[in-house]
N, C-alpha and C. Protein backbone atom coordinates (compact mmCIF):
# COMPACT_ATOMS: atom_id res chain seq x y z
N MET A 1 108.50 83.37 107.34
CA MET A 1 107.28 82.76 106.86
C MET A 1 106.37 82.47 108.04
N ILE A 2 105.17 82.90 107.93
CA ILE A 2 104.16 82.67 108.96
C ILE A 2 103.37 81.45 108.55
N GLN A 3 103.44 80.41 109.36
CA GLN A 3 102.75 79.17 109.01
C GLN A 3 101.24 79.35 109.10
N ASP A 4 100.55 78.79 108.16
CA ASP A 4 99.10 78.90 108.06
C ASP A 4 98.57 77.49 107.79
N SER A 5 97.50 77.12 108.43
CA SER A 5 96.98 75.76 108.28
C SER A 5 96.23 75.55 106.97
N ALA A 6 95.98 76.61 106.24
CA ALA A 6 95.23 76.49 104.99
C ALA A 6 96.11 75.96 103.87
N ILE A 7 95.76 76.25 102.67
CA ILE A 7 96.44 75.77 101.46
C ILE A 7 97.92 76.12 101.48
N PHE A 8 98.78 75.11 101.28
CA PHE A 8 100.23 75.29 101.23
C PHE A 8 100.60 76.01 99.94
N ILE A 9 101.25 77.17 100.06
CA ILE A 9 101.63 77.97 98.90
C ILE A 9 103.15 78.08 98.81
N SER A 10 103.69 77.65 97.67
CA SER A 10 105.12 77.81 97.38
C SER A 10 105.30 79.10 96.58
N ALA A 11 106.23 79.93 97.00
CA ALA A 11 106.50 81.18 96.28
C ALA A 11 107.76 81.01 95.44
N LEU A 12 107.63 81.22 94.14
CA LEU A 12 108.79 81.23 93.25
C LEU A 12 109.17 82.68 93.03
N LEU A 13 110.39 83.03 93.40
CA LEU A 13 110.88 84.38 93.20
C LEU A 13 111.83 84.35 92.01
N LEU A 14 111.42 84.97 90.93
CA LEU A 14 112.19 84.94 89.69
C LEU A 14 113.29 86.00 89.73
N ALA A 15 114.55 85.52 89.75
CA ALA A 15 115.71 86.40 89.89
C ALA A 15 116.81 86.03 88.90
N ALA A 16 116.43 85.47 87.75
CA ALA A 16 117.42 84.95 86.81
C ALA A 16 117.75 85.89 85.66
N GLY A 17 117.03 86.99 85.54
CA GLY A 17 117.18 87.88 84.39
C GLY A 17 118.52 88.58 84.31
N GLU A 18 118.82 89.09 83.12
CA GLU A 18 120.11 89.72 82.85
C GLU A 18 120.16 91.21 83.15
N SER A 19 119.06 91.83 83.46
CA SER A 19 119.04 93.28 83.71
C SER A 19 119.66 94.05 82.55
N LYS A 20 119.31 93.67 81.33
CA LYS A 20 119.92 94.28 80.14
C LYS A 20 119.73 95.79 80.07
N ARG A 21 118.54 96.26 80.35
CA ARG A 21 118.30 97.70 80.27
C ARG A 21 119.10 98.46 81.32
N MET A 22 119.30 97.84 82.47
CA MET A 22 120.05 98.48 83.55
C MET A 22 121.55 98.46 83.27
N GLY A 23 122.01 97.42 82.58
CA GLY A 23 123.43 97.31 82.26
C GLY A 23 124.27 96.69 83.36
N ARG A 24 123.65 96.34 84.47
CA ARG A 24 124.34 95.65 85.58
C ARG A 24 123.30 94.90 86.40
N GLN A 25 123.75 94.10 87.33
CA GLN A 25 122.85 93.27 88.13
C GLN A 25 122.06 94.16 89.09
N LYS A 26 120.86 94.54 88.68
CA LYS A 26 120.07 95.48 89.47
C LYS A 26 119.63 94.91 90.81
N LEU A 27 119.52 93.60 90.92
CA LEU A 27 119.04 93.01 92.16
C LEU A 27 119.99 93.22 93.32
N LEU A 28 121.25 93.53 93.01
CA LEU A 28 122.25 93.77 94.06
C LEU A 28 122.41 95.25 94.38
N LEU A 29 121.62 96.10 93.74
CA LEU A 29 121.68 97.53 94.03
C LEU A 29 121.10 97.80 95.42
N PRO A 30 121.59 98.84 96.08
CA PRO A 30 121.09 99.17 97.42
C PRO A 30 119.60 99.51 97.41
N PHE A 31 118.94 99.08 98.47
CA PHE A 31 117.54 99.42 98.69
C PHE A 31 117.36 99.54 100.19
N GLY A 32 117.21 100.74 100.68
CA GLY A 32 117.15 100.94 102.13
C GLY A 32 118.46 100.52 102.76
N THR A 33 118.38 99.62 103.73
CA THR A 33 119.59 99.17 104.42
C THR A 33 120.14 97.86 103.85
N SER A 34 119.53 97.37 102.77
CA SER A 34 120.01 96.11 102.17
C SER A 34 120.06 96.27 100.66
N THR A 35 119.68 95.23 99.93
CA THR A 35 119.66 95.28 98.47
C THR A 35 118.24 95.00 97.99
N ILE A 36 118.03 95.21 96.71
CA ILE A 36 116.70 94.97 96.14
C ILE A 36 116.26 93.54 96.39
N ILE A 37 117.13 92.58 96.07
CA ILE A 37 116.71 91.17 96.23
C ILE A 37 116.52 90.80 97.69
N GLU A 38 117.36 91.30 98.58
CA GLU A 38 117.21 90.97 100.00
C GLU A 38 115.88 91.51 100.54
N GLN A 39 115.52 92.72 100.16
CA GLN A 39 114.25 93.29 100.63
C GLN A 39 113.07 92.51 100.09
N THR A 40 113.14 92.13 98.82
CA THR A 40 112.05 91.36 98.23
C THR A 40 111.91 90.01 98.94
N ILE A 41 113.03 89.35 99.21
CA ILE A 41 113.00 88.08 99.94
C ILE A 41 112.45 88.27 101.34
N ASP A 42 112.90 89.31 102.04
CA ASP A 42 112.41 89.56 103.40
C ASP A 42 110.90 89.77 103.41
N ASN A 43 110.39 90.46 102.40
CA ASN A 43 108.93 90.65 102.31
C ASN A 43 108.22 89.31 102.18
N LEU A 44 108.77 88.40 101.39
CA LEU A 44 108.17 87.07 101.26
C LEU A 44 108.32 86.27 102.54
N LEU A 45 109.50 86.36 103.18
CA LEU A 45 109.72 85.62 104.43
C LEU A 45 108.77 86.08 105.53
N ASN A 46 108.40 87.34 105.51
CA ASN A 46 107.49 87.89 106.52
C ASN A 46 106.02 87.73 106.14
N SER A 47 105.77 87.03 105.06
CA SER A 47 104.40 86.81 104.59
C SER A 47 103.90 85.42 104.99
N ARG A 48 102.72 85.09 104.53
CA ARG A 48 102.13 83.78 104.80
C ARG A 48 102.44 82.74 103.72
N ALA A 49 103.40 83.04 102.85
CA ALA A 49 103.87 82.01 101.91
C ALA A 49 104.53 80.90 102.72
N ASP A 50 104.32 79.66 102.34
CA ASP A 50 104.82 78.53 103.12
C ASP A 50 106.26 78.16 102.81
N GLU A 51 106.71 78.43 101.62
CA GLU A 51 108.12 78.22 101.28
C GLU A 51 108.48 79.20 100.18
N ILE A 52 109.78 79.48 100.10
CA ILE A 52 110.28 80.40 99.08
C ILE A 52 111.38 79.71 98.29
N ILE A 53 111.24 79.77 96.98
CA ILE A 53 112.25 79.23 96.07
C ILE A 53 112.71 80.39 95.20
N VAL A 54 113.99 80.73 95.29
CA VAL A 54 114.54 81.80 94.47
C VAL A 54 115.20 81.16 93.26
N VAL A 55 114.79 81.60 92.08
CA VAL A 55 115.35 81.07 90.84
C VAL A 55 116.38 82.07 90.32
N VAL A 56 117.63 81.62 90.27
CA VAL A 56 118.73 82.46 89.79
C VAL A 56 119.24 81.93 88.46
N GLY A 57 119.95 82.77 87.74
CA GLY A 57 120.50 82.37 86.44
C GLY A 57 121.70 83.24 86.11
N TYR A 58 121.43 84.44 85.62
CA TYR A 58 122.48 85.38 85.26
C TYR A 58 123.24 85.79 86.52
N ARG A 59 124.57 85.64 86.47
CA ARG A 59 125.43 85.97 87.61
C ARG A 59 124.91 85.33 88.90
N ALA A 60 124.55 84.07 88.77
CA ALA A 60 123.91 83.33 89.86
C ALA A 60 124.75 83.31 91.13
N GLN A 61 126.05 83.10 91.00
CA GLN A 61 126.88 82.97 92.19
C GLN A 61 126.87 84.23 93.04
N GLU A 62 126.85 85.39 92.41
CA GLU A 62 126.78 86.65 93.17
C GLU A 62 125.51 86.72 94.01
N LEU A 63 124.41 86.31 93.41
CA LEU A 63 123.14 86.33 94.14
C LEU A 63 123.13 85.30 95.26
N VAL A 64 123.61 84.10 94.96
CA VAL A 64 123.63 83.04 95.97
C VAL A 64 124.49 83.45 97.15
N THR A 65 125.62 84.09 96.89
CA THR A 65 126.48 84.57 97.97
C THR A 65 125.73 85.55 98.86
N LYS A 66 124.91 86.39 98.27
CA LYS A 66 124.18 87.41 99.02
C LYS A 66 123.01 86.84 99.82
N ILE A 67 122.33 85.84 99.28
CA ILE A 67 121.08 85.36 99.90
C ILE A 67 121.17 83.96 100.49
N GLY A 68 122.30 83.30 100.34
CA GLY A 68 122.43 81.89 100.69
C GLY A 68 122.13 81.51 102.11
N ARG A 69 122.19 82.45 103.04
CA ARG A 69 121.94 82.12 104.45
C ARG A 69 120.48 82.28 104.86
N LYS A 70 119.68 82.73 103.96
CA LYS A 70 118.26 82.92 104.28
C LYS A 70 117.52 81.58 104.19
N PRO A 71 116.43 81.41 104.94
CA PRO A 71 115.69 80.13 104.93
C PRO A 71 114.83 79.97 103.68
N LEU A 72 115.48 79.55 102.61
CA LEU A 72 114.81 79.38 101.33
C LEU A 72 115.53 78.34 100.50
N LYS A 73 114.92 77.98 99.39
CA LYS A 73 115.55 77.06 98.43
C LYS A 73 116.03 77.89 97.25
N ILE A 74 117.10 77.42 96.62
CA ILE A 74 117.64 78.11 95.45
C ILE A 74 117.63 77.16 94.27
N ALA A 75 117.01 77.59 93.19
CA ALA A 75 117.01 76.84 91.93
C ALA A 75 117.87 77.61 90.94
N VAL A 76 118.75 76.90 90.26
CA VAL A 76 119.59 77.53 89.25
C VAL A 76 119.00 77.21 87.88
N ASN A 77 118.74 78.25 87.12
CA ASN A 77 118.20 78.11 85.77
C ASN A 77 119.33 78.36 84.77
N PRO A 78 119.93 77.30 84.22
CA PRO A 78 121.00 77.50 83.24
C PRO A 78 120.49 78.04 81.91
N HIS A 79 119.18 78.01 81.72
CA HIS A 79 118.57 78.48 80.46
C HIS A 79 117.87 79.82 80.65
N TYR A 80 118.41 80.66 81.54
CA TYR A 80 117.75 81.93 81.88
C TYR A 80 117.55 82.84 80.67
N GLN A 81 118.36 82.69 79.64
CA GLN A 81 118.21 83.54 78.45
C GLN A 81 116.95 83.20 77.66
N GLN A 82 116.32 82.08 77.99
CA GLN A 82 115.09 81.68 77.30
C GLN A 82 113.85 82.36 77.90
N GLY A 83 114.04 83.09 78.98
CA GLY A 83 112.94 83.87 79.53
C GLY A 83 112.33 83.30 80.80
N MET A 84 111.25 83.95 81.23
CA MET A 84 110.61 83.61 82.50
C MET A 84 110.09 82.18 82.56
N SER A 85 109.60 81.67 81.45
CA SER A 85 109.03 80.32 81.48
C SER A 85 110.09 79.29 81.88
N ALA A 86 111.33 79.47 81.43
CA ALA A 86 112.41 78.56 81.82
C ALA A 86 112.68 78.67 83.31
N SER A 87 112.57 79.86 83.87
CA SER A 87 112.77 80.05 85.31
C SER A 87 111.64 79.43 86.11
N ILE A 88 110.43 79.56 85.61
CA ILE A 88 109.29 78.95 86.31
C ILE A 88 109.45 77.44 86.35
N ILE A 89 109.84 76.84 85.24
CA ILE A 89 110.06 75.39 85.19
C ILE A 89 111.14 74.98 86.18
N ALA A 90 112.25 75.73 86.22
CA ALA A 90 113.34 75.41 87.15
C ALA A 90 112.86 75.48 88.59
N GLY A 91 112.05 76.47 88.92
CA GLY A 91 111.53 76.60 90.27
C GLY A 91 110.52 75.53 90.63
N LEU A 92 109.66 75.17 89.69
CA LEU A 92 108.64 74.15 89.95
C LEU A 92 109.27 72.80 90.30
N ASN A 93 110.47 72.56 89.80
CA ASN A 93 111.15 71.30 90.12
C ASN A 93 111.51 71.17 91.59
N LEU A 94 111.49 72.28 92.34
CA LEU A 94 111.86 72.24 93.75
C LEU A 94 110.71 72.43 94.73
N ILE A 95 109.49 72.62 94.22
CA ILE A 95 108.41 72.90 95.16
C ILE A 95 108.11 71.69 96.05
N ASP A 96 107.67 71.99 97.23
CA ASP A 96 107.31 70.98 98.22
C ASP A 96 106.15 70.12 97.70
N ASN A 97 106.18 68.84 98.03
CA ASN A 97 105.11 67.92 97.61
C ASN A 97 103.75 68.30 98.17
N ASN A 98 103.73 69.08 99.25
CA ASN A 98 102.47 69.51 99.86
C ASN A 98 101.87 70.74 99.20
N ALA A 99 102.59 71.34 98.27
CA ALA A 99 102.12 72.58 97.64
C ALA A 99 100.80 72.36 96.90
N LYS A 100 99.87 73.23 97.17
CA LYS A 100 98.57 73.22 96.48
C LYS A 100 98.44 74.43 95.56
N ALA A 101 99.39 75.38 95.70
CA ALA A 101 99.38 76.58 94.87
C ALA A 101 100.79 77.13 94.76
N VAL A 102 101.01 77.89 93.69
CA VAL A 102 102.32 78.49 93.44
C VAL A 102 102.13 79.99 93.21
N MET A 103 102.90 80.76 93.96
CA MET A 103 102.95 82.20 93.75
C MET A 103 104.16 82.49 92.88
N ILE A 104 103.98 83.32 91.87
CA ILE A 104 105.10 83.73 91.03
C ILE A 104 105.32 85.21 91.29
N ALA A 105 106.50 85.51 91.85
CA ALA A 105 106.86 86.88 92.22
C ALA A 105 108.13 87.28 91.48
N LEU A 106 108.30 88.58 91.30
CA LEU A 106 109.47 89.10 90.60
C LEU A 106 110.44 89.71 91.61
N ALA A 107 111.72 89.39 91.46
CA ALA A 107 112.73 89.81 92.43
C ALA A 107 113.00 91.30 92.44
N ASP A 108 112.62 91.99 91.38
CA ASP A 108 112.91 93.43 91.32
C ASP A 108 111.73 94.29 91.78
N GLN A 109 110.93 93.74 92.69
CA GLN A 109 109.78 94.48 93.22
C GLN A 109 109.81 94.52 94.75
N PRO A 110 110.82 95.20 95.31
CA PRO A 110 110.95 95.25 96.77
C PRO A 110 109.86 96.07 97.46
N GLY A 111 109.11 96.84 96.71
CA GLY A 111 108.06 97.66 97.29
C GLY A 111 106.77 96.91 97.57
N ILE A 112 106.70 95.65 97.14
CA ILE A 112 105.50 94.85 97.43
C ILE A 112 105.69 94.24 98.82
N SER A 113 105.01 94.82 99.77
CA SER A 113 105.20 94.46 101.18
C SER A 113 104.58 93.10 101.52
N SER A 114 104.97 92.59 102.68
CA SER A 114 104.39 91.33 103.15
C SER A 114 102.89 91.50 103.39
N LYS A 115 102.46 92.70 103.75
CA LYS A 115 101.04 92.97 103.95
C LYS A 115 100.26 92.80 102.64
N ILE A 116 100.81 93.31 101.56
CA ILE A 116 100.17 93.17 100.25
C ILE A 116 100.16 91.70 99.83
N ILE A 117 101.29 91.01 100.04
CA ILE A 117 101.39 89.59 99.70
C ILE A 117 100.35 88.80 100.49
N ASP A 118 100.24 89.09 101.79
CA ASP A 118 99.27 88.38 102.63
C ASP A 118 97.83 88.64 102.18
N LYS A 119 97.56 89.84 101.73
CA LYS A 119 96.22 90.17 101.24
C LYS A 119 95.89 89.32 100.01
N LEU A 120 96.86 89.18 99.11
CA LEU A 120 96.66 88.36 97.92
C LEU A 120 96.47 86.88 98.29
N ILE A 121 97.29 86.39 99.23
CA ILE A 121 97.17 85.01 99.69
C ILE A 121 95.79 84.78 100.32
N ALA A 122 95.36 85.70 101.16
CA ALA A 122 94.05 85.57 101.81
C ALA A 122 92.93 85.53 100.77
N GLU A 123 93.03 86.38 99.77
CA GLU A 123 92.03 86.40 98.70
C GLU A 123 92.02 85.07 97.94
N PHE A 124 93.21 84.56 97.65
CA PHE A 124 93.31 83.28 96.94
C PHE A 124 92.67 82.17 97.75
N ARG A 125 92.99 82.11 99.04
CA ARG A 125 92.48 81.04 99.89
C ARG A 125 90.98 81.16 100.10
N GLN A 126 90.46 82.36 100.06
CA GLN A 126 89.04 82.57 100.33
C GLN A 126 88.16 82.35 99.11
N ASP A 127 88.57 82.82 97.94
CA ASP A 127 87.64 82.80 96.80
C ASP A 127 87.55 81.47 96.07
N ASN A 128 88.53 80.60 96.25
CA ASN A 128 88.48 79.24 95.71
C ASN A 128 88.35 79.19 94.19
N LYS A 129 88.87 80.20 93.49
CA LYS A 129 88.80 80.22 92.03
C LYS A 129 90.03 79.60 91.37
N GLY A 130 91.10 79.43 92.13
CA GLY A 130 92.29 78.78 91.59
C GLY A 130 93.33 79.73 91.03
N ILE A 131 93.00 81.00 90.88
CA ILE A 131 93.95 82.01 90.38
C ILE A 131 93.69 83.31 91.13
N ALA A 132 94.77 83.98 91.53
CA ALA A 132 94.65 85.31 92.12
C ALA A 132 95.66 86.22 91.43
N ILE A 133 95.15 87.32 90.88
CA ILE A 133 95.99 88.30 90.18
C ILE A 133 95.68 89.67 90.77
N PRO A 134 96.70 90.36 91.29
CA PRO A 134 96.43 91.69 91.83
C PRO A 134 96.15 92.70 90.71
N VAL A 135 95.30 93.65 91.02
CA VAL A 135 94.98 94.71 90.06
C VAL A 135 95.18 96.05 90.77
N TYR A 136 95.91 96.94 90.12
CA TYR A 136 96.15 98.27 90.66
C TYR A 136 95.83 99.29 89.57
N GLN A 137 94.92 100.18 89.86
CA GLN A 137 94.48 101.20 88.90
C GLN A 137 94.11 100.59 87.55
N GLY A 138 93.43 99.45 87.61
CA GLY A 138 92.95 98.79 86.40
C GLY A 138 93.97 97.93 85.67
N ASN A 139 95.19 97.85 86.18
CA ASN A 139 96.24 97.06 85.53
C ASN A 139 96.59 95.83 86.35
N ARG A 140 96.70 94.70 85.69
CA ARG A 140 97.12 93.46 86.36
C ARG A 140 98.61 93.52 86.66
N GLY A 141 99.00 92.88 87.76
CA GLY A 141 100.40 92.92 88.15
C GLY A 141 100.89 91.64 88.77
N HIS A 142 101.91 91.75 89.58
CA HIS A 142 102.54 90.62 90.27
C HIS A 142 102.56 90.93 91.76
N PRO A 143 102.70 89.92 92.57
CA PRO A 143 102.78 88.50 92.25
C PRO A 143 101.42 87.94 91.87
N VAL A 144 101.44 86.77 91.27
CA VAL A 144 100.22 86.04 90.93
C VAL A 144 100.26 84.69 91.63
N ILE A 145 99.10 84.13 91.88
CA ILE A 145 99.02 82.81 92.51
C ILE A 145 98.14 81.92 91.65
N PHE A 146 98.64 80.71 91.40
CA PHE A 146 97.90 79.71 90.62
C PHE A 146 97.77 78.43 91.43
N SER A 147 96.61 77.82 91.36
CA SER A 147 96.44 76.49 91.93
C SER A 147 97.40 75.54 91.21
N ILE A 148 97.89 74.56 91.91
CA ILE A 148 98.83 73.59 91.34
C ILE A 148 98.19 72.82 90.18
N LYS A 149 96.87 72.79 90.12
CA LYS A 149 96.20 72.06 89.04
C LYS A 149 96.43 72.70 87.68
N TYR A 150 96.83 73.97 87.66
CA TYR A 150 97.11 74.63 86.39
C TYR A 150 98.53 74.36 85.96
């Protein structure tokens, strides 16, 4: 994490899903020299996000074993079957008191580089609208950033 004197942004990395379509824990699948979740976390760690909170649920212990030594917080969502909103609530319970904004990122997107994340953060900090949503080829995507007031 690269410290920035501007607005404190907490990144919630949602990693609690069951990977039903995949049939196994896709976040632990190889990606380059590591795994999908490790690469996604490394991208956030190398960004200007001020803190990272990984929300786990399904097969949580396997994920915690893999990522537990990284400089981040881990939130366990026992209600992961209720969907993303339950994971967001679990993660919000751990955000730093200084947080002025929350980034919501998905753990199965290791291709979103720290450069892309930093571009979104810079846009959020500059435009002062309270919400930043990336758009690619006319489609909205992730991660998204919301002011804490929302």
